ModelCIF file with pLDDT and N, C-alpha, C, O atoms, coordinates in Angstrom:
data_MODEL
#
_entry.id   MODEL 
#
_entity.id                         1 
_entity.type                       polymer 
_entity.pdbx_number_of_molecules   1 
#
_entity_poly.entity_id                      1 
_entity_poly.type                           'polypeptide(L)' 
_entity_poly.nstd_linkage                   no 
_entity_poly.nstd_monomer                   no 
_entity_poly.pdbx_seq_one_letter_code       AAVIHELDQRSWGDANVIKNPSEADLLANW 
_entity_poly.pdbx_seq_one_letter_code_can   AAVIHELDQRSWGDANVIKNPSEADLLANW 
_entity_poly.pdbx_strand_id                 A 
#
loop_
_entity_poly_seq.entity_id 
_entity_poly_seq.num 
_entity_poly_seq.mon_id 
_entity_poly_seq.hetero 
1 1  ALA n 
1 2  ALA n 
1 3  VAL n 
1 4  ILE n 
1 5  HIS n 
1 6  GLU n 
1 7  LEU n 
1 8  ASP n 
1 9  GLN n 
1 10 ARG n 
1 11 SER n 
1 12 TRP n 
1 13 GLY n 
1 14 ASP n 
1 15 ALA n 
1 16 ASN n 
1 17 VAL n 
1 18 ILE n 
1 19 LYS n 
1 20 ASN n 
1 21 PRO n 
1 22 SER n 
1 23 GLU n 
1 24 ALA n 
1 25 ASP n 
1 26 LEU n 
1 27 LEU n 
1 28 ALA n 
1 29 ASN n 
1 30 TRP n 
#
_struct_asym.id          A 
_struct_asym.entity_id   1 
#
loop_
_ma_qa_metric.id 
_ma_qa_metric.mode 
_ma_qa_metric.name 
_ma_qa_metric.software_group_id 
_ma_qa_metric.type 
1 global pLDDT . pLDDT 
2 local  pLDDT . pLDDT 
#
_ma_qa_metric_global.metric_id      1 
_ma_qa_metric_global.metric_value   80.50 
_ma_qa_metric_global.model_id       1 
_ma_qa_metric_global.ordinal_id     1 
#
loop_
_ma_qa_metric_local.label_asym_id 
_ma_qa_metric_local.label_comp_id 
_ma_qa_metric_local.label_seq_id 
_ma_qa_metric_local.metric_id 
_ma_qa_metric_local.metric_value 
_ma_qa_metric_local.model_id 
_ma_qa_metric_local.ordinal_id 
A ALA 1  2 89.00 1 1  
A ALA 2  2 91.00 1 2  
A VAL 3  2 87.00 1 3  
A ILE 4  2 82.00 1 4  
A HIS 5  2 87.00 1 5  
A GLU 6  2 87.00 1 6  
A LEU 7  2 81.00 1 7  
A ASP 8  2 81.00 1 8  
A GLN 9  2 85.00 1 9  
A ARG 10 2 82.00 1 10 
A SER 11 2 73.00 1 11 
A TRP 12 2 70.00 1 12 
A GLY 13 2 62.00 1 13 
A ASP 14 2 62.00 1 14 
A ALA 15 2 64.00 1 15 
A ASN 16 2 69.00 1 16 
A VAL 17 2 69.00 1 17 
A ILE 18 2 74.00 1 18 
A LYS 19 2 76.00 1 19 
A ASN 20 2 81.00 1 20 
A PRO 21 2 85.00 1 21 
A SER 22 2 91.00 1 22 
A GLU 23 2 92.00 1 23 
A ALA 24 2 92.00 1 24 
A ASP 25 2 87.00 1 25 
A LEU 26 2 85.00 1 26 
A LEU 27 2 86.00 1 27 
A ALA 28 2 85.00 1 28 
A ASN 29 2 81.00 1 29 
A TRP 30 2 79.00 1 30 
#
loop_
_atom_site.group_PDB 
_atom_site.id 
_atom_site.type_symbol 
_atom_site.label_atom_id 
_atom_site.label_alt_id 
_atom_site.label_comp_id 
_atom_site.label_asym_id 
_atom_site.label_entity_id 
_atom_site.label_seq_id 
_atom_site.pdbx_PDB_ins_code 
_atom_site.Cartn_x 
_atom_site.Cartn_y 
_atom_site.Cartn_z 
_atom_site.occupancy 
_atom_site.B_iso_or_equiv 
_atom_site.pdbx_formal_charge 
_atom_site.auth_seq_id 
_atom_site.auth_comp_id 
_atom_site.auth_asym_id 
_atom_site.auth_atom_id 
_atom_site.pdbx_PDB_model_num 
ATOM 1   N N  . ALA A 1 1  ? 119.889 92.153 101.582 1.00 89.00 ? 1  ALA A N  1 
ATOM 2   C CA . ALA A 1 1  ? 120.401 93.327 101.556 1.00 89.00 ? 1  ALA A CA 1 
ATOM 3   C C  . ALA A 1 1  ? 122.019 92.935 100.870 1.00 89.00 ? 1  ALA A C  1 
ATOM 4   O O  . ALA A 1 1  ? 122.663 93.272 99.877  1.00 89.00 ? 1  ALA A O  1 
ATOM 5   N N  . ALA A 1 2  ? 122.161 92.248 101.764 1.00 91.00 ? 2  ALA A N  1 
ATOM 6   C CA . ALA A 1 2  ? 123.822 91.304 102.338 1.00 91.00 ? 2  ALA A CA 1 
ATOM 7   C C  . ALA A 1 2  ? 123.916 90.503 101.272 1.00 91.00 ? 2  ALA A C  1 
ATOM 8   O O  . ALA A 1 2  ? 125.145 90.448 101.240 1.00 91.00 ? 2  ALA A O  1 
ATOM 9   N N  . VAL A 1 3  ? 123.403 89.520 99.940  1.00 87.00 ? 3  VAL A N  1 
ATOM 10  C CA . VAL A 1 3  ? 123.829 89.010 98.847  1.00 87.00 ? 3  VAL A CA 1 
ATOM 11  C C  . VAL A 1 3  ? 123.387 90.209 97.937  1.00 87.00 ? 3  VAL A C  1 
ATOM 12  O O  . VAL A 1 3  ? 124.356 90.401 97.203  1.00 87.00 ? 3  VAL A O  1 
ATOM 13  N N  . ILE A 1 4  ? 122.191 91.304 97.555  1.00 82.00 ? 4  ILE A N  1 
ATOM 14  C CA . ILE A 1 4  ? 123.084 92.243 96.918  1.00 82.00 ? 4  ILE A CA 1 
ATOM 15  C C  . ILE A 1 4  ? 124.137 93.152 96.777  1.00 82.00 ? 4  ILE A C  1 
ATOM 16  O O  . ILE A 1 4  ? 124.424 93.811 95.777  1.00 82.00 ? 4  ILE A O  1 
ATOM 17  N N  . HIS A 1 5  ? 124.775 93.123 98.046  1.00 87.00 ? 5  HIS A N  1 
ATOM 18  C CA . HIS A 1 5  ? 125.794 93.744 98.146  1.00 87.00 ? 5  HIS A CA 1 
ATOM 19  C C  . HIS A 1 5  ? 126.917 93.073 97.490  1.00 87.00 ? 5  HIS A C  1 
ATOM 20  O O  . HIS A 1 5  ? 127.572 93.471 96.527  1.00 87.00 ? 5  HIS A O  1 
ATOM 21  N N  . GLU A 1 6  ? 127.027 92.055 98.124  1.00 87.00 ? 6  GLU A N  1 
ATOM 22  C CA . GLU A 1 6  ? 127.707 90.713 97.519  1.00 87.00 ? 6  GLU A CA 1 
ATOM 23  C C  . GLU A 1 6  ? 128.347 91.277 96.638  1.00 87.00 ? 6  GLU A C  1 
ATOM 24  O O  . GLU A 1 6  ? 129.456 91.809 96.592  1.00 87.00 ? 6  GLU A O  1 
ATOM 25  N N  . LEU A 1 7  ? 127.102 91.020 95.555  1.00 81.00 ? 7  LEU A N  1 
ATOM 26  C CA . LEU A 1 7  ? 126.369 90.823 94.232  1.00 81.00 ? 7  LEU A CA 1 
ATOM 27  C C  . LEU A 1 7  ? 127.599 91.865 93.435  1.00 81.00 ? 7  LEU A C  1 
ATOM 28  O O  . LEU A 1 7  ? 128.593 91.714 92.725  1.00 81.00 ? 7  LEU A O  1 
ATOM 29  N N  . ASP A 1 8  ? 126.685 93.172 94.166  1.00 81.00 ? 8  ASP A N  1 
ATOM 30  C CA . ASP A 1 8  ? 127.586 94.388 93.780  1.00 81.00 ? 8  ASP A CA 1 
ATOM 31  C C  . ASP A 1 8  ? 129.052 94.128 93.373  1.00 81.00 ? 8  ASP A C  1 
ATOM 32  O O  . ASP A 1 8  ? 129.707 94.206 92.334  1.00 81.00 ? 8  ASP A O  1 
ATOM 33  N N  . GLN A 1 9  ? 129.310 93.723 94.881  1.00 85.00 ? 9  GLN A N  1 
ATOM 34  C CA . GLN A 1 9  ? 130.834 93.995 95.117  1.00 85.00 ? 9  GLN A CA 1 
ATOM 35  C C  . GLN A 1 9  ? 131.752 93.108 94.203  1.00 85.00 ? 9  GLN A C  1 
ATOM 36  O O  . GLN A 1 9  ? 132.979 93.150 94.109  1.00 85.00 ? 9  GLN A O  1 
ATOM 37  N N  . ARG A 1 10 ? 130.868 92.302 93.559  1.00 82.00 ? 10 ARG A N  1 
ATOM 38  C CA . ARG A 1 10 ? 131.626 90.951 92.179  1.00 82.00 ? 10 ARG A CA 1 
ATOM 39  C C  . ARG A 1 10 ? 131.466 91.236 90.746  1.00 82.00 ? 10 ARG A C  1 
ATOM 40  O O  . ARG A 1 10 ? 131.638 90.398 89.861  1.00 82.00 ? 10 ARG A O  1 
ATOM 41  N N  . SER A 1 11 ? 131.003 92.916 90.497  1.00 73.00 ? 11 SER A N  1 
ATOM 42  C CA . SER A 1 11 ? 130.544 92.985 88.924  1.00 73.00 ? 11 SER A CA 1 
ATOM 43  C C  . SER A 1 11 ? 129.410 93.019 88.715  1.00 73.00 ? 11 SER A C  1 
ATOM 44  O O  . SER A 1 11 ? 129.168 93.856 87.846  1.00 73.00 ? 11 SER A O  1 
ATOM 45  N N  . TRP A 1 12 ? 128.254 92.352 89.199  1.00 70.00 ? 12 TRP A N  1 
ATOM 46  C CA . TRP A 1 12 ? 127.334 91.937 89.541  1.00 70.00 ? 12 TRP A CA 1 
ATOM 47  C C  . TRP A 1 12 ? 126.092 93.734 89.154  1.00 70.00 ? 12 TRP A C  1 
ATOM 48  O O  . TRP A 1 12 ? 124.971 93.909 88.675  1.00 70.00 ? 12 TRP A O  1 
ATOM 49  N N  . GLY A 1 13 ? 126.862 94.371 89.550  1.00 62.00 ? 13 GLY A N  1 
ATOM 50  C CA . GLY A 1 13 ? 125.837 95.456 90.064  1.00 62.00 ? 13 GLY A CA 1 
ATOM 51  C C  . GLY A 1 13 ? 125.264 95.917 88.585  1.00 62.00 ? 13 GLY A C  1 
ATOM 52  O O  . GLY A 1 13 ? 124.165 96.441 88.772  1.00 62.00 ? 13 GLY A O  1 
ATOM 53  N N  . ASP A 1 14 ? 125.614 95.914 87.158  1.00 62.00 ? 14 ASP A N  1 
ATOM 54  C CA . ASP A 1 14 ? 124.839 96.147 86.502  1.00 62.00 ? 14 ASP A CA 1 
ATOM 55  C C  . ASP A 1 14 ? 123.265 95.296 86.103  1.00 62.00 ? 14 ASP A C  1 
ATOM 56  O O  . ASP A 1 14 ? 122.155 95.614 85.677  1.00 62.00 ? 14 ASP A O  1 
ATOM 57  N N  . ALA A 1 15 ? 124.001 94.017 86.551  1.00 64.00 ? 15 ALA A N  1 
ATOM 58  C CA . ALA A 1 15 ? 122.565 92.951 86.861  1.00 64.00 ? 15 ALA A CA 1 
ATOM 59  C C  . ALA A 1 15 ? 121.263 93.863 87.222  1.00 64.00 ? 15 ALA A C  1 
ATOM 60  O O  . ALA A 1 15 ? 121.300 94.835 87.976  1.00 64.00 ? 15 ALA A O  1 
ATOM 61  N N  . ASN A 1 16 ? 120.019 93.338 86.499  1.00 69.00 ? 16 ASN A N  1 
ATOM 62  C CA . ASN A 1 16 ? 118.778 93.999 86.846  1.00 69.00 ? 16 ASN A CA 1 
ATOM 63  C C  . ASN A 1 16 ? 118.675 92.874 88.321  1.00 69.00 ? 16 ASN A C  1 
ATOM 64  O O  . ASN A 1 16 ? 118.834 91.698 87.994  1.00 69.00 ? 16 ASN A O  1 
ATOM 65  N N  . VAL A 1 17 ? 118.459 93.076 89.702  1.00 69.00 ? 17 VAL A N  1 
ATOM 66  C CA . VAL A 1 17 ? 118.512 92.915 90.622  1.00 69.00 ? 17 VAL A CA 1 
ATOM 67  C C  . VAL A 1 17 ? 117.246 92.827 90.762  1.00 69.00 ? 17 VAL A C  1 
ATOM 68  O O  . VAL A 1 17 ? 116.913 93.930 90.331  1.00 69.00 ? 17 VAL A O  1 
ATOM 69  N N  . ILE A 1 18 ? 116.022 92.160 91.140  1.00 74.00 ? 18 ILE A N  1 
ATOM 70  C CA . ILE A 1 18 ? 114.665 92.110 91.880  1.00 74.00 ? 18 ILE A CA 1 
ATOM 71  C C  . ILE A 1 18 ? 114.622 91.963 93.011  1.00 74.00 ? 18 ILE A C  1 
ATOM 72  O O  . ILE A 1 18 ? 114.955 90.989 93.686  1.00 74.00 ? 18 ILE A O  1 
ATOM 73  N N  . LYS A 1 19 ? 113.918 93.588 93.500  1.00 76.00 ? 19 LYS A N  1 
ATOM 74  C CA . LYS A 1 19 ? 114.490 93.290 94.759  1.00 76.00 ? 19 LYS A CA 1 
ATOM 75  C C  . LYS A 1 19 ? 112.771 93.186 95.410  1.00 76.00 ? 19 LYS A C  1 
ATOM 76  O O  . LYS A 1 19 ? 111.786 93.579 94.785  1.00 76.00 ? 19 LYS A O  1 
ATOM 77  N N  . ASN A 1 20 ? 112.742 92.518 96.888  1.00 81.00 ? 20 ASN A N  1 
ATOM 78  C CA . ASN A 1 20 ? 111.388 91.628 96.749  1.00 81.00 ? 20 ASN A CA 1 
ATOM 79  C C  . ASN A 1 20 ? 110.333 91.067 96.477  1.00 81.00 ? 20 ASN A C  1 
ATOM 80  O O  . ASN A 1 20 ? 109.208 91.444 96.805  1.00 81.00 ? 20 ASN A O  1 
ATOM 81  N N  . PRO A 1 21 ? 110.644 90.041 95.801  1.00 85.00 ? 21 PRO A N  1 
ATOM 82  C CA . PRO A 1 21 ? 110.043 89.326 94.157  1.00 85.00 ? 21 PRO A CA 1 
ATOM 83  C C  . PRO A 1 21 ? 109.485 88.531 95.040  1.00 85.00 ? 21 PRO A C  1 
ATOM 84  O O  . PRO A 1 21 ? 109.848 87.916 96.042  1.00 85.00 ? 21 PRO A O  1 
ATOM 85  N N  . SER A 1 22 ? 108.036 88.760 94.139  1.00 91.00 ? 22 SER A N  1 
ATOM 86  C CA . SER A 1 22 ? 106.617 88.045 94.441  1.00 91.00 ? 22 SER A CA 1 
ATOM 87  C C  . SER A 1 22 ? 106.953 86.646 93.945  1.00 91.00 ? 22 SER A C  1 
ATOM 88  O O  . SER A 1 22 ? 108.088 86.531 93.483  1.00 91.00 ? 22 SER A O  1 
ATOM 89  N N  . GLU A 1 23 ? 106.339 85.778 93.950  1.00 92.00 ? 23 GLU A N  1 
ATOM 90  C CA . GLU A 1 23 ? 105.782 84.591 93.306  1.00 92.00 ? 23 GLU A CA 1 
ATOM 91  C C  . GLU A 1 23 ? 106.208 84.846 91.447  1.00 92.00 ? 23 GLU A C  1 
ATOM 92  O O  . GLU A 1 23 ? 106.928 84.481 90.518  1.00 92.00 ? 23 GLU A O  1 
ATOM 93  N N  . ALA A 1 24 ? 105.172 85.704 91.850  1.00 92.00 ? 24 ALA A N  1 
ATOM 94  C CA . ALA A 1 24 ? 104.878 86.079 90.036  1.00 92.00 ? 24 ALA A CA 1 
ATOM 95  C C  . ALA A 1 24 ? 106.419 86.997 89.175  1.00 92.00 ? 24 ALA A C  1 
ATOM 96  O O  . ALA A 1 24 ? 106.926 86.857 88.063  1.00 92.00 ? 24 ALA A O  1 
ATOM 97  N N  . ASP A 1 25 ? 106.686 87.756 90.150  1.00 87.00 ? 25 ASP A N  1 
ATOM 98  C CA . ASP A 1 25 ? 108.248 88.213 90.016  1.00 87.00 ? 25 ASP A CA 1 
ATOM 99  C C  . ASP A 1 25 ? 108.445 87.092 89.361  1.00 87.00 ? 25 ASP A C  1 
ATOM 100 O O  . ASP A 1 25 ? 108.002 86.852 88.238  1.00 87.00 ? 25 ASP A O  1 
ATOM 101 N N  . LEU A 1 26 ? 109.240 86.229 90.160  1.00 85.00 ? 26 LEU A N  1 
ATOM 102 C CA . LEU A 1 26 ? 110.272 85.162 90.121  1.00 85.00 ? 26 LEU A CA 1 
ATOM 103 C C  . LEU A 1 26 ? 110.405 84.472 88.612  1.00 85.00 ? 26 LEU A C  1 
ATOM 104 O O  . LEU A 1 26 ? 111.330 84.550 87.803  1.00 85.00 ? 26 LEU A O  1 
ATOM 105 N N  . LEU A 1 27 ? 108.923 83.652 88.524  1.00 86.00 ? 27 LEU A N  1 
ATOM 106 C CA . LEU A 1 27 ? 108.408 83.178 87.736  1.00 86.00 ? 27 LEU A CA 1 
ATOM 107 C C  . LEU A 1 27 ? 108.344 83.827 85.647  1.00 86.00 ? 27 LEU A C  1 
ATOM 108 O O  . LEU A 1 27 ? 108.279 83.403 84.493  1.00 86.00 ? 27 LEU A O  1 
ATOM 109 N N  . ALA A 1 28 ? 108.405 84.772 86.272  1.00 85.00 ? 28 ALA A N  1 
ATOM 110 C CA . ALA A 1 28 ? 107.889 86.316 84.465  1.00 85.00 ? 28 ALA A CA 1 
ATOM 111 C C  . ALA A 1 28 ? 109.830 85.747 84.765  1.00 85.00 ? 28 ALA A C  1 
ATOM 112 O O  . ALA A 1 28 ? 110.347 84.915 84.020  1.00 85.00 ? 28 ALA A O  1 
ATOM 113 N N  . ASN A 1 29 ? 110.695 86.474 86.087  1.00 81.00 ? 29 ASN A N  1 
ATOM 114 C CA . ASN A 1 29 ? 111.931 86.604 85.167  1.00 81.00 ? 29 ASN A CA 1 
ATOM 115 C C  . ASN A 1 29 ? 112.606 85.805 84.636  1.00 81.00 ? 29 ASN A C  1 
ATOM 116 O O  . ASN A 1 29 ? 113.371 86.083 83.713  1.00 81.00 ? 29 ASN A O  1 
ATOM 117 N N  . TRP A 1 30 ? 112.351 83.928 85.432  1.00 79.00 ? 30 TRP A N  1 
ATOM 118 C CA . TRP A 1 30 ? 112.362 83.180 85.446  1.00 79.00 ? 30 TRP A CA 1 
ATOM 119 C C  . TRP A 1 30 ? 112.870 82.633 84.013  1.00 79.00 ? 30 TRP A C  1 
ATOM 120 O O  . TRP A 1 30 ? 112.966 81.422 83.813  1.00 79.00 ? 30 TRP A O  1 
#
């Protein structure tokens, strides 16, 4: 949550942030 907050503060708010990803979610994203 703290990392996401910092990203939002630095104009990354429009990016699609994966919250609580599984290993499969991370691999699919990568």
